[in-house]
C-alpha atoms as a PDB file:
ATOM      1  CA  UNK A   1     -74.532  40.929  21.659  1.00  0.00           C
ATOM      2  CA  UNK A   2     -75.301  44.338  20.112  1.00  0.00           C
ATOM      3  CA  UNK A   3     -78.412  46.230  21.082  1.00  0.00           C
ATOM      4  CA  UNK A   4     -81.181  45.611  18.577  1.00  0.00           C
ATOM      5  CA  UNK A   5     -81.463  48.585  16.237  1.00  0.00           C
ATOM      6  CA  UNK A   6     -84.558  50.732  16.269  1.00  0.00           C
ATOM      7  CA  UNK A   7     -86.872  49.502  13.558  1.00  0.00           C
ATOM      8  CA  UNK A   8     -86.119  51.245  10.291  1.00  0.00           C
ATOM      9  CA  UNK A   9     -86.906  50.475   6.670  1.00  0.00           C
ATOM     10  CA  UNK A  10     -83.822  50.204   4.465  1.00  0.00           C
ATOM     11  CA  UNK A  11     -83.074  49.103   0.947  1.00  0.00           C
ATOM     12  CA  UNK A  12     -80.482  46.379   0.414  1.00  0.00           C
ATOM     13  CA  UNK A  13     -77.857  48.813  -0.989  1.00  0.00           C
ATOM     14  CA  UNK A  14     -78.362  51.137   2.016  1.00  0.00           C
ATOM     15  CA  UNK A  15     -78.113  48.223   4.432  1.00  0.00           C
ATOM     16  CA  UNK A  16     -75.156  46.446   2.875  1.00  0.00           C
ATOM     17  CA  UNK A  17     -73.096  49.649   2.633  1.00  0.00           C
ATOM     18  CA  UNK A  18     -74.000  50.872   6.121  1.00  0.00           C
ATOM     19  CA  UNK A  19     -71.206  51.191   8.677  1.00  0.00           C
ATOM     20  CA  UNK A  20     -73.738  50.373  11.405  1.00  0.00           C
ATOM     21  CA  UNK A  21     -74.452  46.897   9.987  1.00  0.00           C
ATOM     22  CA  UNK A  22     -71.188  45.995   8.204  1.00  0.00           C
ATOM     23  CA  UNK A  23     -70.013  42.549   9.283  1.00  0.00           C
ATOM     24  CA  UNK A  24     -73.312  41.685  10.980  1.00  0.00           C
ATOM     25  CA  UNK A  25     -76.149  39.302  10.306  1.00  0.00           C
ATOM     26  CA  UNK A  26     -79.339  41.366  10.029  1.00  0.00           C
ATOM     27  CA  UNK A  27     -82.947  40.197  10.429  1.00  0.00           C
ATOM     28  CA  UNK A  28     -85.397  41.895   8.068  1.00  0.00           C
ATOM     29  CA  UNK A  29     -89.182  41.796   8.303  1.00  0.00           C
ATOM     30  CA  UNK A  30     -91.832  42.932   5.817  1.00  0.00           C
ATOM     31  CA  UNK A  31     -89.397  42.388   2.963  1.00  0.00           C
ATOM     32  CA  UNK A  32     -89.819  43.282  -0.666  1.00  0.00           C
ATOM     33  CA  UNK A  33     -88.060  40.727  -2.883  1.00  0.00           C
ATOM     34  CA  UNK A  34     -86.431  40.922  -6.313  1.00  0.00           C
ATOM     35  CA  UNK A  35     -88.599  38.967  -8.752  1.00  0.00           C
ATOM     36  CA  UNK A  36     -85.653  37.357 -10.551  1.00  0.00           C
ATOM     37  CA  UNK A  37     -83.236  36.526  -7.736  1.00  0.00           C
ATOM     38  CA  UNK A  38     -85.756  36.192  -4.885  1.00  0.00           C
ATOM     39  CA  UNK A  39     -83.308  38.126  -2.676  1.00  0.00           C
ATOM     40  CA  UNK A  40     -84.650  40.802  -0.308  1.00  0.00           C
ATOM     41  CA  UNK A  41     -84.214  44.289  -1.734  1.00  0.00           C
ATOM     42  CA  UNK A  42     -85.877  46.231   1.085  1.00  0.00           C
ATOM     43  CA  UNK A  43     -87.154  45.522   4.587  1.00  0.00           C
ATOM     44  CA  UNK A  44     -87.636  46.599   8.177  1.00  0.00           C
ATOM     45  CA  UNK A  45     -84.522  45.991  10.268  1.00  0.00           C
ATOM     46  CA  UNK A  46     -85.613  44.192  13.442  1.00  0.00           C
ATOM     47  CA  UNK A  47     -82.307  42.962  14.920  1.00  0.00           C
ATOM     48  CA  UNK A  48     -78.616  42.410  14.141  1.00  0.00           C
ATOM     49  CA  UNK A  49     -75.714  40.397  15.566  1.00  0.00           C
ATOM     50  CA  UNK A  50     -72.227  39.128  14.706  1.00  0.00           C
ATOM     51  CA  UNK A  51     -73.368  35.624  15.626  1.00  0.00           C
ATOM     52  CA  UNK A  52     -75.950  34.073  13.294  1.00  0.00           C
ATOM     53  CA  UNK A  53     -77.156  31.537  15.893  1.00  0.00           C
ATOM     54  CA  UNK A  54     -77.663  34.235  18.547  1.00  0.00           C
ATOM     55  CA  UNK A  55     -79.622  36.397  16.128  1.00  0.00           C
ATOM     56  CA  UNK A  56     -81.748  33.494  14.951  1.00  0.00           C
ATOM     57  CA  UNK A  57     -82.547  32.487  18.539  1.00  0.00           C
ATOM     58  CA  UNK A  58     -83.625  36.036  19.458  1.00  0.00           C
ATOM     59  CA  UNK A  59     -85.743  36.382  16.322  1.00  0.00           C
ATOM     60  CA  UNK A  60     -87.490  33.072  17.038  1.00  0.00           C
ATOM     61  CA  UNK A  61     -88.004  33.967  20.716  1.00  0.00           C
ATOM     62  CA  UNK A  62     -89.600  37.268  19.684  1.00  0.00           C
ATOM     63  CA  UNK A  63     -92.199  35.435  17.608  1.00  0.00           C
ATOM     64  CA  UNK A  64     -91.011  36.784  14.270  1.00  0.00           C
ATOM     65  CA  UNK A  65     -91.203  33.771  11.997  1.00  0.00           C
ATOM     66  CA  UNK A  66     -91.089  35.403   8.588  1.00  0.00           C
ATOM     67  CA  UNK A  67     -87.823  37.333   8.833  1.00  0.00           C
ATOM     68  CA  UNK A  68     -85.114  37.113   6.202  1.00  0.00           C
ATOM     69  CA  UNK A  69     -81.604  37.061   7.648  1.00  0.00           C
ATOM     70  CA  UNK A  70     -78.840  38.537   5.499  1.00  0.00           C
ATOM     71  CA  UNK A  71     -75.134  39.134   6.018  1.00  0.00           C
ATOM     72  CA  UNK A  72     -74.044  42.720   5.449  1.00  0.00           C
ATOM     73  CA  UNK A  73     -70.828  43.601   3.712  1.00  0.00           C
ATOM     74  CA  UNK A  74     -70.242  45.907   0.792  1.00  0.00           C
ATOM     75  CA  UNK A  75     -71.278  43.288  -1.774  1.00  0.00           C
ATOM     76  CA  UNK A  76     -74.599  44.395  -3.248  1.00  0.00           C
ATOM     77  CA  UNK A  77     -76.121  41.300  -4.817  1.00  0.00           C
ATOM     78  CA  UNK A  78     -79.270  43.042  -6.033  1.00  0.00           C
ATOM     79  CA  UNK A  79     -79.715  46.696  -6.885  1.00  0.00           C
ATOM     80  CA  UNK A  80     -83.239  47.483  -7.970  1.00  0.00           C
ATOM     81  CA  UNK A  81     -84.891  50.899  -8.147  1.00  0.00           C
ATOM     82  CA  UNK A  82     -87.680  51.531  -5.658  1.00  0.00           C
ATOM     83  CA  UNK A  83     -91.242  51.101  -6.952  1.00  0.00           C
ATOM     84  CA  UNK A  84     -92.314  54.178  -8.837  1.00  0.00           C
ATOM     85  CA  UNK A  85     -88.719  55.299  -9.346  1.00  0.00           C
ATOM     86  CA  UNK A  86     -88.034  56.419 -12.849  1.00  0.00           C
ATOM     87  CA  UNK A  87     -85.660  54.160 -14.733  1.00  0.00           C
ATOM     88  CA  UNK A  88     -83.079  55.574 -17.054  1.00  0.00           C
ATOM     89  CA  UNK A  89     -83.434  54.507 -20.692  1.00  0.00           C
ATOM     90  CA  UNK A  90     -81.387  51.517 -21.723  1.00  0.00           C
ATOM     91  CA  UNK A  91     -78.225  52.362 -23.584  1.00  0.00           C
ATOM     92  CA  UNK A  92     -77.381  50.277 -26.626  1.00  0.00           C
ATOM     93  CA  UNK A  93     -74.403  47.987 -26.227  1.00  0.00           C
ATOM     94  CA  UNK A  94     -71.265  48.995 -28.093  1.00  0.00           C
ATOM     95  CA  UNK A  95     -69.989  45.396 -28.137  1.00  0.00           C
ATOM     96  CA  UNK A  96     -70.447  43.838 -31.583  1.00  0.00           C
END
């Protein structure tokens, strides 16, 4: 069982590409969710483990009942700019 990480706020791309969390299940609290996919796009890391059941048991024992648990690999399923971040203008499609 890995030591729980110190609480830090990370975006999903930062988390999923992180060497520290690659291959682990990660519990996130205070999440911000993508409006379309309902997937967490940012949150406070509260714990991580290779074993989902172990992580879930620790999260429940700690009293955290609203955590999202995600598996971290390099697959970024949602990439959304942070609130207030300036979006680049849309480019017209060249496919006709």
